[in-house]
Amino acid sequence: MPLKSTPSNPATPSPADHHGSDRHGSEQARFTVDPMYSSVTVTLPSETHAEGHIYEVSLDGMRFELDEALPLGARVSIAMTLPGCPAAICAHGRVSHVFDAADDPAARRMVVEFETFRAGARSTLERYLDQKWLRPAPVGTDLAGNAVTAEILASDSDVQQTCEVMIETNDSGSTSSKRRKSASAA
């Protein structure tokens, strides 16, 4: 949707909920969101707002799309709706990355880093993410798609690799049978 002007402010920051990226290099676990089951309303200080969909979310920020790109560095208020979460989660943040127009010929993807949350919203998002409603995001990149170093990958204890093995057996006198097993590698 194109940007619209409207008098709404979805998030009023609370000093008690002032959190964001851990500026000491640690990143929060990221989760993949099926865009068709999510929505986000982004409001600029000018009260202009746009609606779009979320691709990934963490306690640090989110990757999402809108019909038009927002200015890099813009301060925004967001209200996001996630599948299975009964209420919108509201926060303030800053646009930290806008994907290249050549990569996004239609809707534009971008990243917002959260700076403050509406009272209680951060704990709501934290509880929601802890309930494992969403799949872990792919390992090896950050929200903006940048490669993540091996040290960060090695310290990510929340990610479990899963492998699937197909075993085929032949008994004399019977047809072959196939079994499929999944296992987590810790």
Protein backbone atom coordinates (compact mmCIF):
# COMPACT_ATOMS: atom_id res chain seq x y z
CA MET A 1 0.00 0.00 0.00
CA PRO A 2 1.23 3.51 -0.67
CA LEU A 3 2.08 5.75 2.24
CA LYS A 4 -0.99 7.43 3.76
CA SER A 5 -1.35 10.39 6.07
CA THR A 6 -3.42 9.70 9.15
CA PRO A 7 -3.40 10.81 12.79
CA SER A 8 -2.38 7.57 14.46
CA ASN A 9 0.57 6.59 16.58
CA PRO A 10 0.58 2.85 17.28
CA ALA A 11 3.35 2.89 19.85
CA THR A 12 3.98 5.11 22.82
CA PRO A 13 7.41 4.30 24.21
CA SER A 14 7.77 3.26 27.80
CA PRO A 15 11.08 3.83 29.58
CA ALA A 16 10.56 0.50 31.35
CA ASP A 17 10.42 -1.25 28.00
CA HIS A 18 13.49 0.45 26.51
CA HIS A 19 15.30 -2.42 24.85
CA GLY A 20 16.71 -3.13 21.43
CA SER A 21 19.71 -4.80 19.93
CA ASP A 22 22.39 -5.74 22.38
CA ARG A 23 25.02 -3.25 21.24
CA HIS A 24 27.79 -5.54 22.50
CA GLY A 25 27.62 -7.83 19.49
CA SER A 26 25.09 -10.38 20.73
CA GLU A 27 22.06 -10.90 18.52
CA GLN A 28 18.69 -12.27 19.54
CA ALA A 29 17.33 -15.42 17.91
CA ARG A 30 15.48 -14.64 14.66
CA PHE A 31 12.32 -16.33 13.45
CA THR A 32 10.78 -16.67 9.99
CA VAL A 33 7.23 -15.40 9.54
CA ASP A 34 4.99 -16.51 6.67
CA PRO A 35 4.17 -13.06 5.21
CA MET A 36 0.58 -13.96 4.34
CA TYR A 37 -0.16 -14.58 8.03
CA SER A 38 1.36 -11.36 9.35
CA SER A 39 0.85 -7.63 8.99
CA VAL A 40 2.70 -4.51 10.01
CA THR A 41 1.63 -0.88 10.10
CA VAL A 42 4.56 1.53 9.98
CA THR A 43 4.04 5.17 10.97
CA LEU A 44 6.52 7.97 10.34
CA PRO A 45 6.76 11.04 12.63
CA SER A 46 4.78 12.98 9.99
CA GLU A 47 1.83 10.63 10.76
CA THR A 48 2.22 9.07 7.31
CA HIS A 49 1.68 5.33 7.52
CA ALA A 50 1.95 2.23 5.34
CA GLU A 51 0.89 -1.38 5.71
CA GLY A 52 2.90 -4.43 4.76
CA HIS A 53 4.02 -7.92 5.76
CA ILE A 54 6.74 -9.33 8.02
CA TYR A 55 9.40 -11.85 6.87
CA GLU A 56 11.53 -12.23 10.01
CA VAL A 57 11.30 -11.01 13.58
CA SER A 58 13.48 -11.03 16.70
CA LEU A 59 13.66 -9.02 19.90
CA ASP A 60 16.17 -6.79 18.07
CA GLY A 61 14.07 -5.92 15.01
CA MET A 62 12.25 -7.20 11.96
CA ARG A 63 12.59 -7.60 8.20
CA PHE A 64 9.41 -6.62 6.36
CA GLU A 65 8.07 -5.26 3.08
CA LEU A 66 6.04 -2.22 2.09
CA ASP A 67 4.96 -0.99 -1.33
CA GLU A 68 7.40 1.92 -1.08
CA ALA A 69 10.80 2.11 0.57
CA LEU A 70 11.20 4.20 3.72
CA PRO A 71 14.20 6.50 4.06
CA LEU A 72 17.27 4.87 5.56
CA GLY A 73 17.65 6.05 9.17
CA ALA A 74 13.99 7.10 9.48
CA ARG A 75 12.50 6.80 12.95
CA VAL A 76 9.23 4.88 12.83
CA SER A 77 6.48 3.46 15.02
CA ILE A 78 5.34 -0.04 14.20
CA ALA A 79 2.35 -2.19 15.10
CA MET A 80 2.86 -5.83 14.09
CA THR A 81 0.40 -8.68 14.06
CA LEU A 82 1.85 -12.19 14.17
CA PRO A 83 0.08 -15.54 13.64
CA GLY A 84 -1.34 -16.87 16.90
CA CYS A 85 -0.60 -13.67 18.84
CA PRO A 86 -3.87 -12.15 20.09
CA ALA A 87 -2.72 -8.50 20.19
CA ALA A 88 -0.63 -6.19 18.05
CA ILE A 89 2.92 -5.65 19.31
CA CYS A 90 3.91 -1.97 19.17
CA ALA A 91 7.41 -0.52 19.16
CA HIS A 92 9.55 2.37 17.96
CA GLY A 93 12.64 1.84 15.86
CA ARG A 94 14.90 3.03 13.09
CA VAL A 95 15.12 1.87 9.48
CA SER A 96 18.61 0.33 9.40
CA HIS A 97 18.62 -1.31 5.96
CA VAL A 98 16.69 -0.94 2.69
CA PHE A 99 17.18 -3.68 0.12
CA ASP A 100 18.24 -2.67 -3.38
CA ALA A 101 15.44 -1.79 -5.80
CA ALA A 102 16.93 -4.23 -8.34
CA ASP A 103 16.29 -7.05 -5.85
CA ASP A 104 12.77 -5.83 -5.08
CA PRO A 105 11.00 -4.90 -8.32
CA ALA A 106 7.59 -4.62 -6.58
CA ALA A 107 7.24 -4.34 -2.79
CA ARG A 108 10.37 -3.10 -1.01
CA ARG A 109 12.01 -5.05 1.80
CA MET A 110 13.69 -3.25 4.68
CA VAL A 111 14.84 -3.75 8.26
CA VAL A 112 13.82 -1.85 11.40
CA GLU A 113 15.91 -2.13 14.56
CA PHE A 114 13.72 -1.82 17.64
CA GLU A 115 14.68 0.93 20.10
CA THR A 116 11.70 1.06 22.48
CA PHE A 117 8.50 -0.91 22.98
CA ARG A 118 5.04 0.11 24.18
CA ALA A 119 4.59 -0.86 27.85
CA GLY A 120 4.49 -4.66 28.07
CA ALA A 121 5.04 -5.20 24.31
CA ARG A 122 8.61 -6.49 24.58
CA SER A 123 7.64 -9.10 27.15
CA THR A 124 4.66 -10.08 24.96
CA LEU A 125 6.97 -10.56 21.96
CA GLU A 126 9.48 -12.46 24.09
CA ARG A 127 6.79 -14.85 25.40
CA TYR A 128 5.41 -15.28 21.87
CA LEU A 129 8.85 -16.16 20.43
CA ASP A 130 9.53 -18.54 23.34
CA GLN A 131 6.35 -20.46 22.49
CA LYS A 132 7.93 -21.53 19.16
CA TRP A 133 4.99 -20.49 16.96
CA LEU A 134 7.52 -19.56 14.27
CA ARG A 135 10.39 -21.43 12.58
CA PRO A 136 13.98 -20.39 13.36
CA ALA A 137 15.35 -18.12 10.64
CA PRO A 138 18.12 -19.45 8.39
CA VAL A 139 21.54 -19.42 10.02
CA GLY A 140 24.40 -17.58 8.34
CA THR A 141 22.86 -14.14 7.71
CA ASP A 142 21.42 -11.31 9.75
CA LEU A 143 18.10 -9.50 9.18
CA ALA A 144 19.65 -7.44 6.38
CA GLY A 145 21.03 -10.54 4.63
CA ASN A 146 24.64 -9.87 5.61
CA ALA A 147 26.88 -12.85 6.31
CA VAL A 148 27.29 -13.68 9.99
CA THR A 149 30.73 -14.60 11.32
CA ALA A 150 31.60 -18.11 12.48
CA GLU A 151 31.96 -16.91 16.10
CA ILE A 152 28.34 -15.76 16.19
CA LEU A 153 27.17 -18.99 14.56
CA ALA A 154 29.17 -21.05 17.06
CA SER A 155 27.62 -19.18 19.99
CA ASP A 156 24.03 -19.67 18.77
CA SER A 157 22.89 -22.40 21.15
CA ASP A 158 19.19 -22.05 20.26
CA VAL A 159 19.59 -23.47 16.75
CA GLN A 160 19.33 -27.21 16.30
CA GLN A 161 20.18 -28.86 13.02
CA THR A 162 17.78 -31.57 11.87
CA CYS A 163 18.61 -34.28 9.39
CA GLU A 164 16.43 -36.88 7.76
CA VAL A 165 17.62 -40.37 6.86
CA MET A 166 15.90 -42.88 4.59
CA ILE A 167 16.64 -46.54 5.33
CA GLU A 168 15.60 -49.22 2.88
CA THR A 169 15.57 -52.84 3.97
CA ASN A 170 15.02 -56.03 2.02
CA ASP A 171 13.77 -59.12 3.79
CA SER A 172 14.00 -62.37 1.91
CA GLY A 173 10.50 -63.30 0.87
CA SER A 174 8.98 -59.82 1.35
CA THR A 175 8.94 -56.59 -0.55
CA SER A 176 11.28 -53.82 0.46
CA SER A 177 10.20 -51.43 3.14
CA LYS A 178 11.31 -47.86 3.69
CA ARG A 179 11.57 -46.04 6.96
CA ARG A 180 12.16 -42.39 7.53
CA LYS A 181 13.71 -41.00 10.72
CA SER A 182 14.39 -37.43 11.79
CA ALA A 183 16.97 -36.58 14.38
CA SER A 184 18.31 -33.43 16.00
CA ALA A 185 22.04 -32.91 16.14
CA ALA A 186 23.00 -31.02 19.26
